[in-house]
């Protein structure tokens, strides 16, 4: 059973899950850095097992980009006893990946697509791959919300009001968004890159 949101005296601690090569900004947040360079050997899953399988205090997982895909794969395949400390997860831009992460992301996206065993919210730019991200959120049983919107302003993939757990997960949004740089999508790079000089 997931703990944390039901016990008012014990607020879940945030744990930032990043991928080797991500640029974390906040040093005051506990972090697990995954090495996905050899994705098929499963070392990254062992890193998550080591971080959470025996943990007693409740945590909220925070992830951005390809780290979201790795966390969901791990959570869907791990024994439920490994996840007992996980109160929920906040995922930001799961399909926004760096160029060097494209092969890993393609492999992870073919992974399991079961409902996650804990509450989760997916944040995403409402203009970037929104249909694909909504499909992932539905498969994971996650609530979708635009990255810069408030729940009241944002259409969602769920008609019901936000649950108490989902609302509490959104309290971690600012921390996640200030903790690691967003990977640059090809669209963002095209918008920010200066035009090439005309050939003489």
C-alpha atoms as a PDB file:
ATOM      1  CA  UNK A   1       0.000   0.000   0.000  1.00  0.00           C
ATOM      2  CA  UNK A   2       1.296   3.451  -0.903  1.00  0.00           C
ATOM      3  CA  UNK A   3       1.741   5.810   2.010  1.00  0.00           C
ATOM      4  CA  UNK A   4       2.301   9.469   2.595  1.00  0.00           C
ATOM      5  CA  UNK A   5      -0.729  11.460   1.519  1.00  0.00           C
ATOM      6  CA  UNK A   6      -2.938   9.691   4.072  1.00  0.00           C
ATOM      7  CA  UNK A   7      -0.632  10.487   6.990  1.00  0.00           C
ATOM      8  CA  UNK A   8      -0.855  14.245   7.620  1.00  0.00           C
ATOM      9  CA  UNK A   9       2.233  14.304   9.832  1.00  0.00           C
ATOM     10  CA  UNK A  10       4.461  12.672   7.233  1.00  0.00           C
ATOM     11  CA  UNK A  11       4.659  14.664   3.995  1.00  0.00           C
ATOM     12  CA  UNK A  12       6.323  12.604   1.262  1.00  0.00           C
ATOM     13  CA  UNK A  13       9.868  13.674   0.451  1.00  0.00           C
ATOM     14  CA  UNK A  14      10.567  14.550  -3.187  1.00  0.00           C
ATOM     15  CA  UNK A  15      13.113  12.445  -5.048  1.00  0.00           C
ATOM     16  CA  UNK A  16      14.264  13.695  -8.427  1.00  0.00           C
ATOM     17  CA  UNK A  17      14.944  10.918 -10.937  1.00  0.00           C
ATOM     18  CA  UNK A  18      17.266  12.071 -13.714  1.00  0.00           C
ATOM     19  CA  UNK A  19      19.181  10.474 -16.533  1.00  0.00           C
ATOM     20  CA  UNK A  20      22.948  10.663 -16.862  1.00  0.00           C
ATOM     21  CA  UNK A  21      23.595  13.756 -18.945  1.00  0.00           C
ATOM     22  CA  UNK A  22      20.620  15.759 -17.636  1.00  0.00           C
ATOM     23  CA  UNK A  23      21.541  19.104 -16.161  1.00  0.00           C
ATOM     24  CA  UNK A  24      20.099  19.295 -12.644  1.00  0.00           C
ATOM     25  CA  UNK A  25      19.672  22.809 -11.269  1.00  0.00           C
ATOM     26  CA  UNK A  26      18.727  22.218  -7.642  1.00  0.00           C
ATOM     27  CA  UNK A  27      21.254  20.705  -5.269  1.00  0.00           C
ATOM     28  CA  UNK A  28      18.897  20.518  -2.281  1.00  0.00           C
ATOM     29  CA  UNK A  29      16.699  17.712  -3.644  1.00  0.00           C
ATOM     30  CA  UNK A  30      17.551  14.035  -3.234  1.00  0.00           C
ATOM     31  CA  UNK A  31      18.402  12.646  -6.644  1.00  0.00           C
ATOM     32  CA  UNK A  32      18.732   9.268  -8.331  1.00  0.00           C
ATOM     33  CA  UNK A  33      20.698   9.459 -11.590  1.00  0.00           C
ATOM     34  CA  UNK A  34      19.997   6.620 -14.014  1.00  0.00           C
ATOM     35  CA  UNK A  35      22.599   5.321 -16.429  1.00  0.00           C
ATOM     36  CA  UNK A  36      20.603   4.428 -19.530  1.00  0.00           C
ATOM     37  CA  UNK A  37      23.644   4.071 -21.797  1.00  0.00           C
ATOM     38  CA  UNK A  38      23.252   0.294 -21.731  1.00  0.00           C
ATOM     39  CA  UNK A  39      19.508   0.187 -21.416  1.00  0.00           C
ATOM     40  CA  UNK A  40      19.101  -3.530 -22.168  1.00  0.00           C
ATOM     41  CA  UNK A  41      21.317  -4.704 -19.316  1.00  0.00           C
ATOM     42  CA  UNK A  42      18.785  -3.378 -16.786  1.00  0.00           C
ATOM     43  CA  UNK A  43      21.317  -1.637 -14.550  1.00  0.00           C
ATOM     44  CA  UNK A  44      19.079   1.441 -14.407  1.00  0.00           C
ATOM     45  CA  UNK A  45      16.235  -0.671 -12.969  1.00  0.00           C
ATOM     46  CA  UNK A  46      18.582  -1.983 -10.293  1.00  0.00           C
ATOM     47  CA  UNK A  47      19.439   1.631  -9.440  1.00  0.00           C
ATOM     48  CA  UNK A  48      15.729   2.330  -8.837  1.00  0.00           C
ATOM     49  CA  UNK A  49      15.333  -0.906  -6.869  1.00  0.00           C
ATOM     50  CA  UNK A  50      18.261   0.072  -4.633  1.00  0.00           C
ATOM     51  CA  UNK A  51      16.836   3.551  -4.071  1.00  0.00           C
ATOM     52  CA  UNK A  52      13.270   2.582  -3.219  1.00  0.00           C
ATOM     53  CA  UNK A  53      12.779  -1.138  -2.450  1.00  0.00           C
ATOM     54  CA  UNK A  54      13.708  -0.897   1.241  1.00  0.00           C
ATOM     55  CA  UNK A  55      12.779   2.706   1.854  1.00  0.00           C
ATOM     56  CA  UNK A  56      10.401   3.289   4.747  1.00  0.00           C
ATOM     57  CA  UNK A  57       9.666   7.036   4.516  1.00  0.00           C
ATOM     58  CA  UNK A  58       7.135   8.051   1.846  1.00  0.00           C
ATOM     59  CA  UNK A  59       8.414   9.701  -1.333  1.00  0.00           C
ATOM     60  CA  UNK A  60       7.090  11.470  -4.410  1.00  0.00           C
ATOM     61  CA  UNK A  61       8.989  10.711  -7.599  1.00  0.00           C
ATOM     62  CA  UNK A  62       9.757  13.709  -9.822  1.00  0.00           C
ATOM     63  CA  UNK A  63      10.964  13.059 -13.374  1.00  0.00           C
ATOM     64  CA  UNK A  64      11.350  14.901 -16.647  1.00  0.00           C
ATOM     65  CA  UNK A  65      11.851  13.677 -20.206  1.00  0.00           C
ATOM     66  CA  UNK A  66      13.128  10.149 -20.789  1.00  0.00           C
ATOM     67  CA  UNK A  67      13.443   9.633 -17.011  1.00  0.00           C
ATOM     68  CA  UNK A  68       9.607   9.559 -16.901  1.00  0.00           C
ATOM     69  CA  UNK A  69       9.551   6.639 -19.322  1.00  0.00           C
ATOM     70  CA  UNK A  70      12.170   4.737 -17.329  1.00  0.00           C
ATOM     71  CA  UNK A  71      10.336   5.298 -14.018  1.00  0.00           C
ATOM     72  CA  UNK A  72       7.005   4.119 -15.424  1.00  0.00           C
ATOM     73  CA  UNK A  73       8.578   1.018 -16.975  1.00  0.00           C
ATOM     74  CA  UNK A  74      10.207   0.186 -13.635  1.00  0.00           C
ATOM     75  CA  UNK A  75       7.018   0.826 -11.638  1.00  0.00           C
ATOM     76  CA  UNK A  76       4.919  -1.357 -13.910  1.00  0.00           C
ATOM     77  CA  UNK A  77       7.277  -4.345 -13.728  1.00  0.00           C
ATOM     78  CA  UNK A  78       8.557  -4.179 -10.148  1.00  0.00           C
ATOM     79  CA  UNK A  79       7.105  -6.177  -7.277  1.00  0.00           C
ATOM     80  CA  UNK A  80       4.557  -4.062  -5.414  1.00  0.00           C
ATOM     81  CA  UNK A  81       6.631  -4.383  -2.238  1.00  0.00           C
ATOM     82  CA  UNK A  82       9.360  -2.299  -3.939  1.00  0.00           C
ATOM     83  CA  UNK A  83       6.881   0.527  -4.436  1.00  0.00           C
ATOM     84  CA  UNK A  84       5.331   0.705  -0.977  1.00  0.00           C
ATOM     85  CA  UNK A  85       7.112   3.982  -0.114  1.00  0.00           C
ATOM     86  CA  UNK A  86       6.051   5.678  -3.365  1.00  0.00           C
ATOM     87  CA  UNK A  87       3.099   7.964  -2.622  1.00  0.00           C
ATOM     88  CA  UNK A  88       2.875   9.239  -6.184  1.00  0.00           C
ATOM     89  CA  UNK A  89       4.756  10.666  -9.138  1.00  0.00           C
ATOM     90  CA  UNK A  90       4.885  13.907 -11.060  1.00  0.00           C
ATOM     91  CA  UNK A  91       6.093  13.546 -14.642  1.00  0.00           C
ATOM     92  CA  UNK A  92       7.057  16.523 -16.816  1.00  0.00           C
ATOM     93  CA  UNK A  93       7.264  16.334 -20.610  1.00  0.00           C
ATOM     94  CA  UNK A  94       7.784  12.570 -20.958  1.00  0.00           C
ATOM     95  CA  UNK A  95       8.339  12.777 -24.723  1.00  0.00           C
ATOM     96  CA  UNK A  96      10.619  15.830 -24.656  1.00  0.00           C
ATOM     97  CA  UNK A  97      14.015  14.254 -25.070  1.00  0.00           C
ATOM     98  CA  UNK A  98      17.503  15.258 -26.097  1.00  0.00           C
ATOM     99  CA  UNK A  99      18.869  14.089 -29.439  1.00  0.00           C
ATOM    100  CA  UNK A 100      21.282  11.701 -27.718  1.00  0.00           C
ATOM    101  CA  UNK A 101      18.337  10.060 -25.888  1.00  0.00           C
ATOM    102  CA  UNK A 102      16.208   9.270 -28.968  1.00  0.00           C
ATOM    103  CA  UNK A 103      17.210   5.591 -29.235  1.00  0.00           C
ATOM    104  CA  UNK A 104      16.652   5.006 -25.523  1.00  0.00           C
ATOM    105  CA  UNK A 105      13.271   6.721 -25.660  1.00  0.00           C
ATOM    106  CA  UNK A 106      12.194   4.597 -28.635  1.00  0.00           C
ATOM    107  CA  UNK A 107      13.075   1.426 -26.719  1.00  0.00           C
ATOM    108  CA  UNK A 108      11.365   2.550 -23.515  1.00  0.00           C
ATOM    109  CA  UNK A 109       8.194   3.575 -25.350  1.00  0.00           C
ATOM    110  CA  UNK A 110       7.746  -0.037 -26.489  1.00  0.00           C
ATOM    111  CA  UNK A 111       7.684  -1.149 -22.848  1.00  0.00           C
ATOM    112  CA  UNK A 112       4.711  -2.163 -20.737  1.00  0.00           C
ATOM    113  CA  UNK A 113       1.665   0.091 -20.627  1.00  0.00           C
ATOM    114  CA  UNK A 114      -0.205  -0.834 -17.474  1.00  0.00           C
ATOM    115  CA  UNK A 115      -1.851   1.478 -15.021  1.00  0.00           C
ATOM    116  CA  UNK A 116       0.675   2.711 -12.456  1.00  0.00           C
ATOM    117  CA  UNK A 117       0.168   1.394  -8.899  1.00  0.00           C
ATOM    118  CA  UNK A 118       0.256   4.929  -7.415  1.00  0.00           C
ATOM    119  CA  UNK A 119      -1.350   8.281  -8.250  1.00  0.00           C
ATOM    120  CA  UNK A 120       0.426  10.324 -10.898  1.00  0.00           C
ATOM    121  CA  UNK A 121       0.152  13.558 -12.844  1.00  0.00           C
ATOM    122  CA  UNK A 122       1.688  14.244 -16.256  1.00  0.00           C
ATOM    123  CA  UNK A 123       2.627  17.829 -17.095  1.00  0.00           C
ATOM    124  CA  UNK A 124       3.285  18.737 -20.704  1.00  0.00           C
ATOM    125  CA  UNK A 125       3.376  21.737 -22.979  1.00  0.00           C
ATOM    126  CA  UNK A 126      -0.121  21.776 -24.447  1.00  0.00           C
ATOM    127  CA  UNK A 127       1.337  22.307 -27.942  1.00  0.00           C
ATOM    128  CA  UNK A 128       4.066  19.628 -27.978  1.00  0.00           C
ATOM    129  CA  UNK A 129       3.042  16.063 -28.938  1.00  0.00           C
ATOM    130  CA  UNK A 130      -0.089  16.481 -26.858  1.00  0.00           C
ATOM    131  CA  UNK A 131      -1.973  13.545 -28.413  1.00  0.00           C
ATOM    132  CA  UNK A 132       0.890  11.130 -27.776  1.00  0.00           C
ATOM    133  CA  UNK A 133       1.368  12.386 -24.215  1.00  0.00           C
ATOM    134  CA  UNK A 134      -2.378  12.126 -23.528  1.00  0.00           C
ATOM    135  CA  UNK A 135      -2.250   8.519 -24.755  1.00  0.00           C
ATOM    136  CA  UNK A 136       0.623   7.763 -22.348  1.00  0.00           C
ATOM    137  CA  UNK A 137      -1.206   9.462 -19.476  1.00  0.00           C
ATOM    138  CA  UNK A 138      -4.287   7.344 -20.179  1.00  0.00           C
ATOM    139  CA  UNK A 139      -2.262   4.124 -20.293  1.00  0.00           C
ATOM    140  CA  UNK A 140      -0.524   5.009 -17.027  1.00  0.00           C
ATOM    141  CA  UNK A 141      -3.787   6.058 -15.320  1.00  0.00           C
ATOM    142  CA  UNK A 142      -2.288   9.531 -14.874  1.00  0.00           C
ATOM    143  CA  UNK A 143      -3.971  12.915 -14.823  1.00  0.00           C
ATOM    144  CA  UNK A 144      -2.798  15.206 -17.636  1.00  0.00           C
ATOM    145  CA  UNK A 145      -2.391  18.949 -17.227  1.00  0.00           C
ATOM    146  CA  UNK A 146      -0.674  21.612 -19.306  1.00  0.00           C
ATOM    147  CA  UNK A 147       2.755  22.433 -17.862  1.00  0.00           C
ATOM    148  CA  UNK A 148       1.998  26.111 -17.297  1.00  0.00           C
ATOM    149  CA  UNK A 149      -1.675  25.881 -16.422  1.00  0.00           C
ATOM    150  CA  UNK A 150      -3.638  25.583 -13.211  1.00  0.00           C
ATOM    151  CA  UNK A 151      -6.079  22.685 -12.842  1.00  0.00           C
ATOM    152  CA  UNK A 152      -9.083  25.015 -13.108  1.00  0.00           C
ATOM    153  CA  UNK A 153      -7.838  26.545 -16.388  1.00  0.00           C
ATOM    154  CA  UNK A 154      -6.756  23.364 -18.091  1.00  0.00           C
ATOM    155  CA  UNK A 155      -8.750  20.727 -19.902  1.00  0.00           C
ATOM    156  CA  UNK A 156      -7.666  17.291 -18.807  1.00  0.00           C
ATOM    157  CA  UNK A 157      -7.966  13.656 -19.825  1.00  0.00           C
ATOM    158  CA  UNK A 158     -10.206  13.078 -16.796  1.00  0.00           C
ATOM    159  CA  UNK A 159     -13.657  14.577 -16.293  1.00  0.00           C
ATOM    160  CA  UNK A 160     -13.762  14.000 -12.557  1.00  0.00           C
ATOM    161  CA  UNK A 161     -12.391  16.647 -10.203  1.00  0.00           C
ATOM    162  CA  UNK A 162      -8.785  16.282  -9.115  1.00  0.00           C
ATOM    163  CA  UNK A 163      -8.392  13.747  -6.334  1.00  0.00           C
ATOM    164  CA  UNK A 164      -6.736  14.855  -3.101  1.00  0.00           C
ATOM    165  CA  UNK A 165      -3.591  12.892  -4.044  1.00  0.00           C
ATOM    166  CA  UNK A 166      -3.419  14.520  -7.497  1.00  0.00           C
ATOM    167  CA  UNK A 167      -3.818  17.978  -5.977  1.00  0.00           C
ATOM    168  CA  UNK A 168      -1.026  17.243  -3.485  1.00  0.00           C
ATOM    169  CA  UNK A 169       1.235  16.051  -6.307  1.00  0.00           C
ATOM    170  CA  UNK A 170       0.829  19.431  -8.003  1.00  0.00           C
ATOM    171  CA  UNK A 171       2.359  21.047  -4.895  1.00  0.00           C
ATOM    172  CA  UNK A 172       5.682  19.599  -6.147  1.00  0.00           C
ATOM    173  CA  UNK A 173       5.366  21.152  -9.632  1.00  0.00           C
ATOM    174  CA  UNK A 174       7.459  24.247  -8.970  1.00  0.00           C
ATOM    175  CA  UNK A 175      10.202  22.151  -7.380  1.00  0.00           C
ATOM    176  CA  UNK A 176      10.335  19.818 -10.398  1.00  0.00           C
ATOM    177  CA  UNK A 177      10.319  22.645 -12.901  1.00  0.00           C
ATOM    178  CA  UNK A 178      13.162  24.409 -11.113  1.00  0.00           C
ATOM    179  CA  UNK A 179      15.255  21.261 -10.533  1.00  0.00           C
ATOM    180  CA  UNK A 180      16.333  20.108 -13.981  1.00  0.00           C
ATOM    181  CA  UNK A 181      16.551  21.729 -17.395  1.00  0.00           C
ATOM    182  CA  UNK A 182      14.031  20.618 -19.973  1.00  0.00           C
ATOM    183  CA  UNK A 183      15.554  18.748 -22.886  1.00  0.00           C
ATOM    184  CA  UNK A 184      15.395  20.766 -26.070  1.00  0.00           C
ATOM    185  CA  UNK A 185      12.911  19.342 -28.541  1.00  0.00           C
ATOM    186  CA  UNK A 186      13.623  19.699 -32.271  1.00  0.00           C
ATOM    187  CA  UNK A 187      10.739  22.214 -32.405  1.00  0.00           C
ATOM    188  CA  UNK A 188      12.220  24.329 -29.603  1.00  0.00           C
ATOM    189  CA  UNK A 189      15.666  24.200 -31.189  1.00  0.00           C
ATOM    190  CA  UNK A 190      14.261  25.338 -34.530  1.00  0.00           C
ATOM    191  CA  UNK A 191      12.494  28.261 -32.855  1.00  0.00           C
ATOM    192  CA  UNK A 192      15.582  29.416 -30.933  1.00  0.00           C
ATOM    193  CA  UNK A 193      18.291  28.744 -33.517  1.00  0.00           C
ATOM    194  CA  UNK A 194      19.463  31.776 -35.490  1.00  0.00           C
ATOM    195  CA  UNK A 195      18.796  31.573 -39.228  1.00  0.00           C
ATOM    196  CA  UNK A 196      21.695  30.427 -41.356  1.00  0.00           C
ATOM    197  CA  UNK A 197      23.512  33.149 -43.272  1.00  0.00           C
ATOM    198  CA  UNK A 198      22.810  33.184 -46.974  1.00  0.00           C
ATOM    199  CA  UNK A 199      25.552  31.601 -49.066  1.00  0.00           C
ATOM    200  CA  UNK A 200      27.627  34.128 -51.031  1.00  0.00           C
END
